[in-house]
Amino acid sequence: MSPSATIDPRESPDLGNRIRSIRRQRGLTLVELAKMAELSHPFLSQVERGLAQPSIGSLGRIARALGSSQVELLAAGASSTMPLDQPAPRVDIVRGREGSEGGFGSGQGRILVRGDVALLPMDVRGENAEFGDFFQHDEDEFLYVIEGSIRLDLGDDGLFALDTSDSAYFKGGTQHRICSSDGGPYRMIVVKEVLRPGASG
């Protein structure tokens, strides 16, 4: 999808509510988030109220400013999934062709659960040979390499080479970014902690 393409409001009716919820969890004002995402304050206010839809590029900037990803924001607002603020059933099966999909860092991700959960597992695929920008968020994160090999840059905490079956865990607040070790495709399971309002990582 083109960066200028607009999100279809039928596919993500609660997107604005999710953005507002994460913004408040992060302790950001609307003006602060707009500045960080390089968007106008009035436009972002309209997005949060469901009166405007961001482009894919704008959603990426909003997600990055919130320490999140496009796929996480889209999944939370998708009509095809249970909103994250709804109680999760005791058992929920997500089939291989289900789950919200969208951008995750320099790759693509698919959310593997629905509803109000404590952990957010994602199937992430990519083949970027160069690092993108660092991500940093309050949630702890775990990753497990299923296929290929990656380089994991944790900023001041080091640069690591991970191969198939290797895993990494890092605390919230840790800068991180990923790329392929050899330019080939990689696939990983990424699990992020889901913070509750008022919680800190």
N, C-alpha and C. Protein backbone atom coordinates (compact mmCIF):
# COMPACT_ATOMS: atom_id res chain seq x y z
N MET A 1 0.84 -1.18 0.00
CA MET A 1 0.00 0.00 0.00
C MET A 1 0.89 1.24 0.00
N SER A 2 0.51 2.20 -0.79
CA SER A 2 1.27 3.44 -0.92
C SER A 2 1.24 4.23 0.38
N PRO A 3 2.36 4.92 0.72
CA PRO A 3 2.39 5.73 1.95
C PRO A 3 1.33 6.83 1.96
N SER A 4 0.85 7.25 0.76
CA SER A 4 -0.16 8.30 0.71
C SER A 4 -1.59 7.75 0.75
N ALA A 5 -1.73 6.42 0.64
CA ALA A 5 -3.06 5.81 0.71
C ALA A 5 -3.66 6.06 2.09
N THR A 6 -4.96 6.27 2.14
CA THR A 6 -5.66 6.54 3.39
C THR A 6 -6.25 5.26 3.95
N ILE A 7 -6.24 5.14 5.26
CA ILE A 7 -6.83 3.99 5.95
C ILE A 7 -8.33 4.00 5.71
N ASP A 8 -8.89 2.85 5.36
CA ASP A 8 -10.33 2.72 5.16
C ASP A 8 -11.00 2.70 6.53
N PRO A 9 -11.88 3.68 6.83
CA PRO A 9 -12.49 3.74 8.17
C PRO A 9 -13.33 2.51 8.49
N ARG A 10 -13.82 1.80 7.48
CA ARG A 10 -14.61 0.59 7.74
C ARG A 10 -13.73 -0.53 8.28
N GLU A 11 -12.44 -0.50 7.93
CA GLU A 11 -11.54 -1.56 8.37
C GLU A 11 -10.96 -1.29 9.75
N SER A 12 -11.02 -0.06 10.20
CA SER A 12 -10.42 0.29 11.49
C SER A 12 -11.21 1.40 12.17
N PRO A 13 -12.47 1.11 12.56
CA PRO A 13 -13.32 2.16 13.09
C PRO A 13 -12.87 2.72 14.44
N ASP A 14 -12.12 1.98 15.22
CA ASP A 14 -11.69 2.44 16.54
C ASP A 14 -10.24 2.90 16.57
N LEU A 15 -9.66 3.17 15.40
CA LEU A 15 -8.26 3.57 15.32
C LEU A 15 -7.99 4.82 16.15
N GLY A 16 -8.84 5.83 16.04
CA GLY A 16 -8.64 7.08 16.79
C GLY A 16 -8.67 6.85 18.29
N ASN A 17 -9.59 6.01 18.75
CA ASN A 17 -9.65 5.71 20.18
C ASN A 17 -8.38 5.02 20.65
N ARG A 18 -7.84 4.12 19.84
CA ARG A 18 -6.61 3.41 20.21
C ARG A 18 -5.43 4.38 20.29
N ILE A 19 -5.33 5.28 19.32
CA ILE A 19 -4.26 6.27 19.34
C ILE A 19 -4.36 7.13 20.60
N ARG A 20 -5.57 7.59 20.91
CA ARG A 20 -5.79 8.40 22.12
C ARG A 20 -5.40 7.63 23.38
N SER A 21 -5.81 6.37 23.45
CA SER A 21 -5.53 5.54 24.63
C SER A 21 -4.02 5.38 24.84
N ILE A 22 -3.29 5.06 23.78
CA ILE A 22 -1.83 4.89 23.91
C ILE A 22 -1.17 6.22 24.24
N ARG A 23 -1.63 7.30 23.60
CA ARG A 23 -1.06 8.63 23.87
C ARG A 23 -1.18 8.97 25.35
N ARG A 24 -2.36 8.70 25.91
CA ARG A 24 -2.57 9.00 27.33
C ARG A 24 -1.73 8.09 28.22
N GLN A 25 -1.61 6.81 27.85
CA GLN A 25 -0.75 5.90 28.61
C GLN A 25 0.69 6.39 28.63
N ARG A 26 1.12 6.99 27.53
CA ARG A 26 2.49 7.50 27.42
C ARG A 26 2.65 8.86 28.10
N GLY A 27 1.54 9.44 28.57
CA GLY A 27 1.61 10.74 29.24
C GLY A 27 1.85 11.89 28.29
N LEU A 28 1.42 11.74 27.03
CA LEU A 28 1.63 12.78 26.03
C LEU A 28 0.36 13.59 25.82
N THR A 29 0.52 14.88 25.58
CA THR A 29 -0.61 15.70 25.17
C THR A 29 -0.79 15.53 23.67
N LEU A 30 -1.94 15.96 23.19
CA LEU A 30 -2.21 15.92 21.76
C LEU A 30 -1.19 16.77 21.00
N VAL A 31 -0.86 17.92 21.54
CA VAL A 31 0.10 18.82 20.90
C VAL A 31 1.49 18.16 20.83
N GLU A 32 1.90 17.50 21.92
CA GLU A 32 3.21 16.83 21.93
C GLU A 32 3.27 15.71 20.90
N LEU A 33 2.22 14.89 20.84
CA LEU A 33 2.21 13.80 19.86
C LEU A 33 2.21 14.34 18.44
N ALA A 34 1.43 15.37 18.19
CA ALA A 34 1.39 15.96 16.85
C ALA A 34 2.77 16.45 16.42
N LYS A 35 3.49 17.09 17.35
CA LYS A 35 4.83 17.58 17.03
C LYS A 35 5.78 16.41 16.76
N MET A 36 5.73 15.37 17.60
CA MET A 36 6.61 14.21 17.42
C MET A 36 6.32 13.48 16.10
N ALA A 37 5.04 13.45 15.69
CA ALA A 37 4.65 12.75 14.47
C ALA A 37 4.70 13.66 13.24
N GLU A 38 5.07 14.92 13.45
CA GLU A 38 5.15 15.91 12.37
C GLU A 38 3.81 16.05 11.65
N LEU A 39 2.73 16.14 12.44
CA LEU A 39 1.39 16.34 11.92
C LEU A 39 0.79 17.56 12.61
N SER A 40 -0.24 18.13 12.03
CA SER A 40 -0.87 19.28 12.67
C SER A 40 -1.72 18.80 13.84
N HIS A 41 -1.75 19.62 14.87
CA HIS A 41 -2.56 19.33 16.05
C HIS A 41 -4.04 19.17 15.69
N PRO A 42 -4.64 20.07 14.87
CA PRO A 42 -6.05 19.90 14.52
C PRO A 42 -6.32 18.59 13.77
N PHE A 43 -5.41 18.20 12.86
CA PHE A 43 -5.62 16.96 12.11
C PHE A 43 -5.58 15.76 13.05
N LEU A 44 -4.60 15.72 13.94
CA LEU A 44 -4.49 14.60 14.87
C LEU A 44 -5.72 14.54 15.79
N SER A 45 -6.23 15.68 16.19
CA SER A 45 -7.44 15.73 17.01
C SER A 45 -8.61 15.11 16.24
N GLN A 46 -8.72 15.41 14.95
CA GLN A 46 -9.78 14.83 14.13
C GLN A 46 -9.61 13.32 13.99
N VAL A 47 -8.37 12.86 13.85
CA VAL A 47 -8.12 11.42 13.76
C VAL A 47 -8.58 10.73 15.04
N GLU A 48 -8.21 11.28 16.19
CA GLU A 48 -8.59 10.68 17.47
C GLU A 48 -10.10 10.65 17.65
N ARG A 49 -10.80 11.62 17.11
CA ARG A 49 -12.26 11.67 17.25
C ARG A 49 -12.98 10.91 16.13
N GLY A 50 -12.21 10.29 15.21
CA GLY A 50 -12.81 9.52 14.13
C GLY A 50 -13.38 10.37 13.01
N LEU A 51 -12.98 11.64 12.93
CA LEU A 51 -13.48 12.55 11.92
C LEU A 51 -12.57 12.62 10.70
N ALA A 52 -11.37 12.05 10.80
CA ALA A 52 -10.42 12.03 9.69
C ALA A 52 -9.64 10.72 9.78
N GLN A 53 -9.14 10.28 8.63
CA GLN A 53 -8.34 9.05 8.57
C GLN A 53 -6.93 9.40 8.13
N PRO A 54 -5.91 8.88 8.82
CA PRO A 54 -4.54 9.17 8.41
C PRO A 54 -4.14 8.35 7.19
N SER A 55 -3.16 8.84 6.46
CA SER A 55 -2.56 8.05 5.39
C SER A 55 -1.69 6.97 6.04
N ILE A 56 -1.26 6.01 5.25
CA ILE A 56 -0.36 4.97 5.76
C ILE A 56 0.92 5.61 6.29
N GLY A 57 1.45 6.61 5.56
CA GLY A 57 2.66 7.30 6.00
C GLY A 57 2.45 8.03 7.32
N SER A 58 1.31 8.73 7.44
CA SER A 58 1.01 9.44 8.70
C SER A 58 0.82 8.47 9.85
N LEU A 59 0.15 7.34 9.58
CA LEU A 59 -0.04 6.34 10.63
C LEU A 59 1.31 5.79 11.09
N GLY A 60 2.24 5.61 10.16
CA GLY A 60 3.58 5.16 10.52
C GLY A 60 4.28 6.15 11.44
N ARG A 61 4.13 7.45 11.16
CA ARG A 61 4.75 8.47 12.01
C ARG A 61 4.09 8.52 13.38
N ILE A 62 2.76 8.36 13.42
CA ILE A 62 2.05 8.32 14.71
C ILE A 62 2.52 7.12 15.52
N ALA A 63 2.57 5.95 14.86
CA ALA A 63 2.99 4.72 15.55
C ALA A 63 4.41 4.87 16.10
N ARG A 64 5.32 5.39 15.29
CA ARG A 64 6.71 5.55 15.74
C ARG A 64 6.79 6.50 16.94
N ALA A 65 6.04 7.60 16.90
CA ALA A 65 6.04 8.55 18.02
C ALA A 65 5.49 7.93 19.30
N LEU A 66 4.57 6.97 19.14
CA LEU A 66 4.00 6.29 20.31
C LEU A 66 4.81 5.07 20.74
N GLY A 67 5.89 4.75 20.01
CA GLY A 67 6.66 3.56 20.33
C GLY A 67 5.90 2.30 19.97
N SER A 68 5.06 2.39 18.96
CA SER A 68 4.21 1.27 18.55
C SER A 68 4.50 0.96 17.09
N SER A 69 3.60 0.24 16.45
CA SER A 69 3.74 -0.07 15.02
C SER A 69 2.38 0.09 14.35
N GLN A 70 2.41 0.20 13.03
CA GLN A 70 1.15 0.32 12.29
C GLN A 70 0.25 -0.86 12.56
N VAL A 71 0.81 -2.07 12.54
CA VAL A 71 -0.02 -3.26 12.71
C VAL A 71 -0.69 -3.27 14.08
N GLU A 72 0.00 -2.81 15.13
CA GLU A 72 -0.62 -2.78 16.45
C GLU A 72 -1.77 -1.79 16.51
N LEU A 73 -1.60 -0.62 15.89
CA LEU A 73 -2.67 0.37 15.89
C LEU A 73 -3.85 -0.11 15.05
N LEU A 74 -3.57 -0.69 13.89
CA LEU A 74 -4.64 -1.17 13.03
C LEU A 74 -5.39 -2.34 13.66
N ALA A 75 -4.66 -3.23 14.32
CA ALA A 75 -5.30 -4.39 14.95
C ALA A 75 -6.26 -3.94 16.04
N ALA A 76 -5.86 -2.94 16.79
CA ALA A 76 -6.70 -2.47 17.89
C ALA A 76 -7.99 -1.85 17.39
N GLY A 77 -7.94 -1.28 16.18
CA GLY A 77 -9.12 -0.61 15.67
C GLY A 77 -9.86 -1.40 14.61
N ALA A 78 -9.38 -2.60 14.28
CA ALA A 78 -9.98 -3.35 13.18
C ALA A 78 -11.33 -3.93 13.55
N SER A 79 -12.27 -3.80 12.63
CA SER A 79 -13.59 -4.36 12.88
C SER A 79 -13.57 -5.88 12.79
N SER A 80 -12.53 -6.46 12.14
CA SER A 80 -12.46 -7.91 11.99
C SER A 80 -11.91 -8.59 13.24
N THR A 81 -11.42 -7.81 14.19
CA THR A 81 -10.90 -8.39 15.43
C THR A 81 -11.62 -7.76 16.60
N MET A 82 -11.52 -8.39 17.73
CA MET A 82 -12.10 -7.86 18.95
C MET A 82 -11.21 -6.71 19.43
N PRO A 83 -11.77 -5.54 19.75
CA PRO A 83 -10.94 -4.44 20.23
C PRO A 83 -10.14 -4.84 21.47
N LEU A 84 -8.96 -4.25 21.59
CA LEU A 84 -8.08 -4.60 22.71
C LEU A 84 -8.66 -4.22 24.06
N ASP A 85 -9.65 -3.33 24.09
CA ASP A 85 -10.23 -2.96 25.38
C ASP A 85 -11.44 -3.83 25.74
N GLN A 86 -11.72 -4.88 24.96
CA GLN A 86 -12.78 -5.83 25.28
C GLN A 86 -12.17 -7.04 25.96
N PRO A 87 -12.89 -7.64 26.91
CA PRO A 87 -12.34 -8.82 27.58
C PRO A 87 -12.08 -9.94 26.58
N ALA A 88 -10.94 -10.59 26.73
CA ALA A 88 -10.61 -11.72 25.87
C ALA A 88 -11.33 -12.96 26.39
N PRO A 89 -11.77 -13.83 25.49
CA PRO A 89 -12.37 -15.08 25.96
C PRO A 89 -11.29 -15.94 26.62
N ARG A 90 -11.72 -16.93 27.39
CA ARG A 90 -10.75 -17.82 28.04
C ARG A 90 -9.89 -18.53 27.01
N VAL A 91 -10.48 -18.88 25.87
CA VAL A 91 -9.75 -19.53 24.78
C VAL A 91 -10.12 -18.81 23.49
N ASP A 92 -9.12 -18.45 22.70
CA ASP A 92 -9.37 -17.81 21.42
C ASP A 92 -8.39 -18.37 20.40
N ILE A 93 -8.90 -18.94 19.34
CA ILE A 93 -8.06 -19.53 18.29
C ILE A 93 -7.98 -18.54 17.13
N VAL A 94 -6.78 -18.21 16.72
CA VAL A 94 -6.57 -17.35 15.56
C VAL A 94 -5.94 -18.22 14.48
N ARG A 95 -6.65 -18.42 13.39
CA ARG A 95 -6.21 -19.27 12.29
C ARG A 95 -5.13 -18.58 11.47
N GLY A 96 -4.44 -19.37 10.65
CA GLY A 96 -3.31 -18.87 9.86
C GLY A 96 -3.61 -17.72 8.93
N ARG A 97 -4.85 -17.60 8.50
CA ARG A 97 -5.20 -16.50 7.59
C ARG A 97 -5.93 -15.38 8.30
N GLU A 98 -6.01 -15.47 9.60
CA GLU A 98 -6.68 -14.43 10.39
C GLU A 98 -5.63 -13.56 11.07
N GLY A 99 -6.09 -12.56 11.73
CA GLY A 99 -5.20 -11.65 12.45
C GLY A 99 -4.91 -10.42 11.62
N SER A 100 -4.90 -9.28 12.26
CA SER A 100 -4.63 -8.02 11.57
C SER A 100 -3.19 -7.97 11.10
N GLU A 101 -2.98 -7.44 9.90
CA GLU A 101 -1.65 -7.33 9.33
C GLU A 101 -1.34 -5.88 9.02
N GLY A 102 -0.05 -5.55 9.04
CA GLY A 102 0.37 -4.20 8.70
C GLY A 102 1.86 -4.05 8.93
N GLY A 103 2.33 -2.82 8.78
CA GLY A 103 3.75 -2.54 8.92
C GLY A 103 4.23 -2.75 10.34
N PHE A 104 5.44 -3.30 10.45
CA PHE A 104 6.10 -3.47 11.74
C PHE A 104 7.58 -3.19 11.50
N GLY A 105 8.07 -2.05 11.96
CA GLY A 105 9.45 -1.66 11.68
C GLY A 105 9.65 -1.57 10.18
N SER A 106 10.66 -2.25 9.67
CA SER A 106 10.93 -2.27 8.23
C SER A 106 10.30 -3.47 7.55
N GLY A 107 9.50 -4.23 8.28
CA GLY A 107 8.88 -5.42 7.72
C GLY A 107 7.37 -5.38 7.84
N GLN A 108 6.77 -6.56 7.87
CA GLN A 108 5.33 -6.71 8.00
C GLN A 108 5.05 -7.60 9.21
N GLY A 109 3.96 -7.31 9.89
CA GLY A 109 3.60 -8.10 11.05
C GLY A 109 2.14 -8.53 11.01
N ARG A 110 1.86 -9.61 11.72
CA ARG A 110 0.49 -10.09 11.87
C ARG A 110 0.25 -10.37 13.35
N ILE A 111 -0.81 -9.78 13.91
CA ILE A 111 -1.17 -9.97 15.31
C ILE A 111 -1.76 -11.37 15.47
N LEU A 112 -1.33 -12.10 16.49
CA LEU A 112 -1.72 -13.49 16.67
C LEU A 112 -2.76 -13.71 17.76
N VAL A 113 -3.31 -12.63 18.32
CA VAL A 113 -4.35 -12.73 19.36
C VAL A 113 -5.40 -11.65 19.13
N ARG A 114 -6.50 -11.75 19.88
CA ARG A 114 -7.55 -10.74 19.84
C ARG A 114 -7.95 -10.40 21.26
N GLY A 115 -8.48 -9.20 21.44
CA GLY A 115 -9.06 -8.83 22.72
C GLY A 115 -8.07 -8.23 23.70
N ASP A 116 -8.53 -8.11 24.93
CA ASP A 116 -7.77 -7.51 26.02
C ASP A 116 -6.84 -8.57 26.60
N VAL A 117 -5.59 -8.56 26.18
CA VAL A 117 -4.63 -9.59 26.55
C VAL A 117 -3.46 -8.98 27.30
N ALA A 118 -2.72 -9.81 28.02
CA ALA A 118 -1.55 -9.34 28.78
C ALA A 118 -0.30 -9.29 27.92
N LEU A 119 -0.27 -10.13 26.88
CA LEU A 119 0.88 -10.20 25.97
C LEU A 119 0.38 -10.08 24.54
N LEU A 120 1.16 -9.42 23.69
CA LEU A 120 0.78 -9.23 22.30
C LEU A 120 1.79 -9.93 21.39
N PRO A 121 1.51 -11.18 20.99
CA PRO A 121 2.43 -11.89 20.09
C PRO A 121 2.16 -11.53 18.63
N MET A 122 3.24 -11.40 17.87
CA MET A 122 3.14 -11.05 16.45
C MET A 122 4.07 -11.92 15.63
N ASP A 123 3.65 -12.27 14.44
CA ASP A 123 4.46 -12.96 13.45
C ASP A 123 5.05 -11.87 12.56
N VAL A 124 6.36 -11.68 12.58
CA VAL A 124 7.00 -10.58 11.87
C VAL A 124 7.93 -11.14 10.80
N ARG A 125 7.83 -10.57 9.59
CA ARG A 125 8.67 -10.98 8.46
C ARG A 125 9.31 -9.75 7.84
N GLY A 126 10.52 -9.93 7.35
CA GLY A 126 11.20 -8.83 6.67
C GLY A 126 12.40 -9.35 5.92
N GLU A 127 13.04 -8.45 5.18
CA GLU A 127 14.29 -8.79 4.50
C GLU A 127 15.17 -7.56 4.32
N ASN A 128 14.89 -6.52 5.11
CA ASN A 128 15.70 -5.31 5.04
C ASN A 128 17.13 -5.60 5.47
N ALA A 129 18.08 -5.21 4.63
CA ALA A 129 19.50 -5.44 4.92
C ALA A 129 20.12 -4.29 5.72
N GLU A 130 19.40 -3.18 5.82
CA GLU A 130 19.89 -2.01 6.56
C GLU A 130 18.95 -1.73 7.74
N PHE A 131 19.54 -1.19 8.81
CA PHE A 131 18.73 -0.79 9.95
C PHE A 131 17.87 0.42 9.61
N GLY A 132 16.68 0.46 10.16
CA GLY A 132 15.85 1.65 10.12
C GLY A 132 16.10 2.45 11.39
N ASP A 133 15.14 3.28 11.75
CA ASP A 133 15.24 4.07 12.98
C ASP A 133 15.07 3.18 14.20
N PHE A 134 15.60 3.64 15.33
CA PHE A 134 15.40 2.94 16.60
C PHE A 134 13.95 3.06 17.04
N PHE A 135 13.47 2.02 17.71
CA PHE A 135 12.19 2.05 18.41
C PHE A 135 12.50 2.03 19.90
N GLN A 136 11.64 2.67 20.68
CA GLN A 136 11.78 2.65 22.13
C GLN A 136 10.39 2.83 22.72
N HIS A 137 9.99 1.93 23.61
CA HIS A 137 8.67 1.98 24.23
C HIS A 137 8.76 1.43 25.64
N ASP A 138 7.71 1.62 26.41
CA ASP A 138 7.70 1.24 27.82
C ASP A 138 7.58 -0.26 28.04
N GLU A 139 7.04 -0.99 27.05
CA GLU A 139 6.77 -2.42 27.22
C GLU A 139 8.03 -3.26 27.06
N ASP A 140 8.13 -4.32 27.89
CA ASP A 140 9.17 -5.33 27.69
C ASP A 140 8.87 -6.05 26.39
N GLU A 141 9.91 -6.63 25.77
CA GLU A 141 9.72 -7.30 24.49
C GLU A 141 10.59 -8.55 24.41
N PHE A 142 10.06 -9.58 23.78
CA PHE A 142 10.75 -10.84 23.55
C PHE A 142 10.67 -11.15 22.06
N LEU A 143 11.74 -11.67 21.49
CA LEU A 143 11.67 -12.13 20.11
C LEU A 143 12.37 -13.47 19.95
N TYR A 144 11.85 -14.27 19.03
CA TYR A 144 12.37 -15.60 18.73
C TYR A 144 12.47 -15.72 17.22
N VAL A 145 13.67 -16.00 16.72
CA VAL A 145 13.90 -16.10 15.28
C VAL A 145 13.46 -17.48 14.78
N ILE A 146 12.48 -17.49 13.87
CA ILE A 146 11.96 -18.73 13.31
C ILE A 146 12.73 -19.12 12.05
N GLU A 147 13.03 -18.13 11.20
CA GLU A 147 13.74 -18.38 9.94
C GLU A 147 14.74 -17.26 9.70
N GLY A 148 15.85 -17.61 9.06
CA GLY A 148 16.84 -16.62 8.68
C GLY A 148 17.71 -16.20 9.84
N SER A 149 18.40 -15.09 9.64
CA SER A 149 19.25 -14.55 10.70
C SER A 149 19.13 -13.03 10.69
N ILE A 150 19.25 -12.45 11.88
CA ILE A 150 19.08 -11.01 12.02
C ILE A 150 20.24 -10.41 12.81
N ARG A 151 20.35 -9.10 12.69
CA ARG A 151 21.19 -8.31 13.58
C ARG A 151 20.24 -7.49 14.43
N LEU A 152 20.45 -7.54 15.73
CA LEU A 152 19.62 -6.82 16.70
C LEU A 152 20.49 -5.75 17.33
N ASP A 153 20.16 -4.50 17.06
CA ASP A 153 20.90 -3.36 17.60
C ASP A 153 20.13 -2.82 18.79
N LEU A 154 20.71 -2.95 19.97
CA LEU A 154 20.08 -2.46 21.20
C LEU A 154 20.75 -1.18 21.71
N GLY A 155 21.27 -0.39 20.77
CA GLY A 155 21.86 0.90 21.14
C GLY A 155 23.02 0.72 22.09
N ASP A 156 22.96 1.38 23.24
CA ASP A 156 24.04 1.32 24.23
C ASP A 156 24.22 -0.07 24.84
N ASP A 157 23.21 -0.94 24.66
CA ASP A 157 23.28 -2.29 25.23
C ASP A 157 23.92 -3.31 24.30
N GLY A 158 24.29 -2.91 23.09
CA GLY A 158 25.06 -3.80 22.22
C GLY A 158 24.39 -4.16 20.91
N LEU A 159 25.18 -4.78 20.04
CA LEU A 159 24.76 -5.27 18.74
C LEU A 159 24.92 -6.78 18.75
N PHE A 160 23.86 -7.51 18.37
CA PHE A 160 23.86 -8.96 18.49
C PHE A 160 23.44 -9.61 17.17
N ALA A 161 24.10 -10.73 16.84
CA ALA A 161 23.71 -11.55 15.69
C ALA A 161 22.87 -12.70 16.22
N LEU A 162 21.67 -12.87 15.67
CA LEU A 162 20.78 -13.95 16.08
C LEU A 162 20.44 -14.82 14.87
N ASP A 163 20.54 -16.12 15.04
CA ASP A 163 20.23 -17.07 13.99
C ASP A 163 18.93 -17.80 14.33
N THR A 164 18.46 -18.63 13.41
CA THR A 164 17.26 -19.43 13.64
C THR A 164 17.35 -20.14 14.98
N SER A 165 16.29 -20.07 15.74
CA SER A 165 16.13 -20.66 17.08
C SER A 165 16.75 -19.83 18.20
N ASP A 166 17.39 -18.69 17.89
CA ASP A 166 17.90 -17.80 18.93
C ASP A 166 16.77 -16.88 19.39
N SER A 167 16.89 -16.38 20.60
CA SER A 167 15.88 -15.46 21.14
C SER A 167 16.55 -14.33 21.90
N ALA A 168 15.79 -13.28 22.14
CA ALA A 168 16.27 -12.14 22.91
C ALA A 168 15.11 -11.56 23.71
N TYR A 169 15.42 -11.05 24.88
CA TYR A 169 14.45 -10.38 25.73
C TYR A 169 15.07 -9.07 26.17
N PHE A 170 14.30 -7.99 26.11
CA PHE A 170 14.81 -6.73 26.62
C PHE A 170 13.70 -5.94 27.29
N LYS A 171 14.11 -5.19 28.29
CA LYS A 171 13.19 -4.41 29.12
C LYS A 171 12.65 -3.20 28.36
N GLY A 172 11.49 -2.73 28.80
CA GLY A 172 10.94 -1.51 28.26
C GLY A 172 11.94 -0.37 28.43
N GLY A 173 11.92 0.56 27.48
CA GLY A 173 12.85 1.69 27.51
C GLY A 173 14.14 1.42 26.75
N THR A 174 14.34 0.18 26.28
CA THR A 174 15.54 -0.18 25.53
C THR A 174 15.37 0.19 24.06
N GLN A 175 16.32 0.95 23.54
CA GLN A 175 16.30 1.24 22.10
C GLN A 175 16.55 -0.06 21.35
N HIS A 176 15.86 -0.23 20.21
CA HIS A 176 16.08 -1.45 19.43
C HIS A 176 15.69 -1.26 17.98
N ARG A 177 16.38 -2.01 17.13
CA ARG A 177 16.08 -2.06 15.70
C ARG A 177 16.68 -3.34 15.14
N ILE A 178 16.13 -3.79 14.01
CA ILE A 178 16.47 -5.11 13.48
C ILE A 178 16.71 -5.00 11.98
N CYS A 179 17.63 -5.81 11.48
CA CYS A 179 17.78 -5.99 10.04
C CYS A 179 18.28 -7.40 9.77
N SER A 180 18.17 -7.81 8.52
CA SER A 180 18.67 -9.12 8.11
C SER A 180 20.19 -9.12 8.19
N SER A 181 20.77 -10.24 8.61
CA SER A 181 22.24 -10.34 8.68
C SER A 181 22.86 -10.43 7.29
N ASP A 182 22.13 -11.04 6.34
CA ASP A 182 22.70 -11.31 5.02
C ASP A 182 21.86 -10.78 3.87
N GLY A 183 20.84 -9.99 4.15
CA GLY A 183 19.97 -9.47 3.11
C GLY A 183 18.86 -10.43 2.71
N GLY A 184 18.89 -11.63 3.29
CA GLY A 184 17.85 -12.62 3.01
C GLY A 184 16.64 -12.42 3.90
N PRO A 185 15.56 -13.12 3.61
CA PRO A 185 14.36 -12.99 4.43
C PRO A 185 14.55 -13.55 5.83
N TYR A 186 13.84 -12.97 6.77
CA TYR A 186 13.81 -13.48 8.14
C TYR A 186 12.37 -13.49 8.62
N ARG A 187 12.14 -14.31 9.63
CA ARG A 187 10.82 -14.39 10.26
C ARG A 187 11.02 -14.60 11.74
N MET A 188 10.24 -13.91 12.56
CA MET A 188 10.35 -14.03 14.00
C MET A 188 8.99 -13.91 14.66
N ILE A 189 8.92 -14.44 15.85
CA ILE A 189 7.78 -14.19 16.73
C ILE A 189 8.23 -13.11 17.71
N VAL A 190 7.49 -12.03 17.76
CA VAL A 190 7.78 -10.93 18.68
C VAL A 190 6.62 -10.88 19.67
N VAL A 191 6.94 -10.82 20.95
CA VAL A 191 5.92 -10.74 21.99
C VAL A 191 6.17 -9.48 22.81
N LYS A 192 5.18 -8.59 22.81
CA LYS A 192 5.28 -7.36 23.61
C LYS A 192 4.33 -7.45 24.79
N GLU A 193 4.80 -6.94 25.89
CA GLU A 193 3.96 -6.77 27.07
C GLU A 193 2.89 -5.72 26.75
N VAL A 194 1.69 -5.88 27.28
CA VAL A 194 0.64 -4.89 27.13
C VAL A 194 0.48 -4.19 28.47
N LEU A 195 0.81 -2.92 28.49
CA LEU A 195 0.71 -2.16 29.73
C LEU A 195 -0.71 -1.67 29.94
N ARG A 196 -1.14 -1.68 31.16
CA ARG A 196 -2.46 -1.15 31.54
C ARG A 196 -2.30 0.32 31.88
N PRO A 197 -3.37 1.12 31.72
CA PRO A 197 -3.27 2.53 32.09
C PRO A 197 -2.75 2.68 33.51
N GLY A 198 -1.79 3.59 33.66
CA GLY A 198 -1.21 3.84 34.97
C GLY A 198 -0.04 2.93 35.30
N ALA A 199 0.20 1.89 34.45
CA ALA A 199 1.32 0.97 34.69
C ALA A 199 2.58 1.54 34.06
N SER A 200 3.71 1.14 34.55
CA SER A 200 4.98 1.54 33.96
C SER A 200 5.85 0.31 33.83
N GLY A 201 6.74 0.34 32.79
CA GLY A 201 7.57 -0.83 32.49
C GLY A 201 8.82 -0.88 33.27
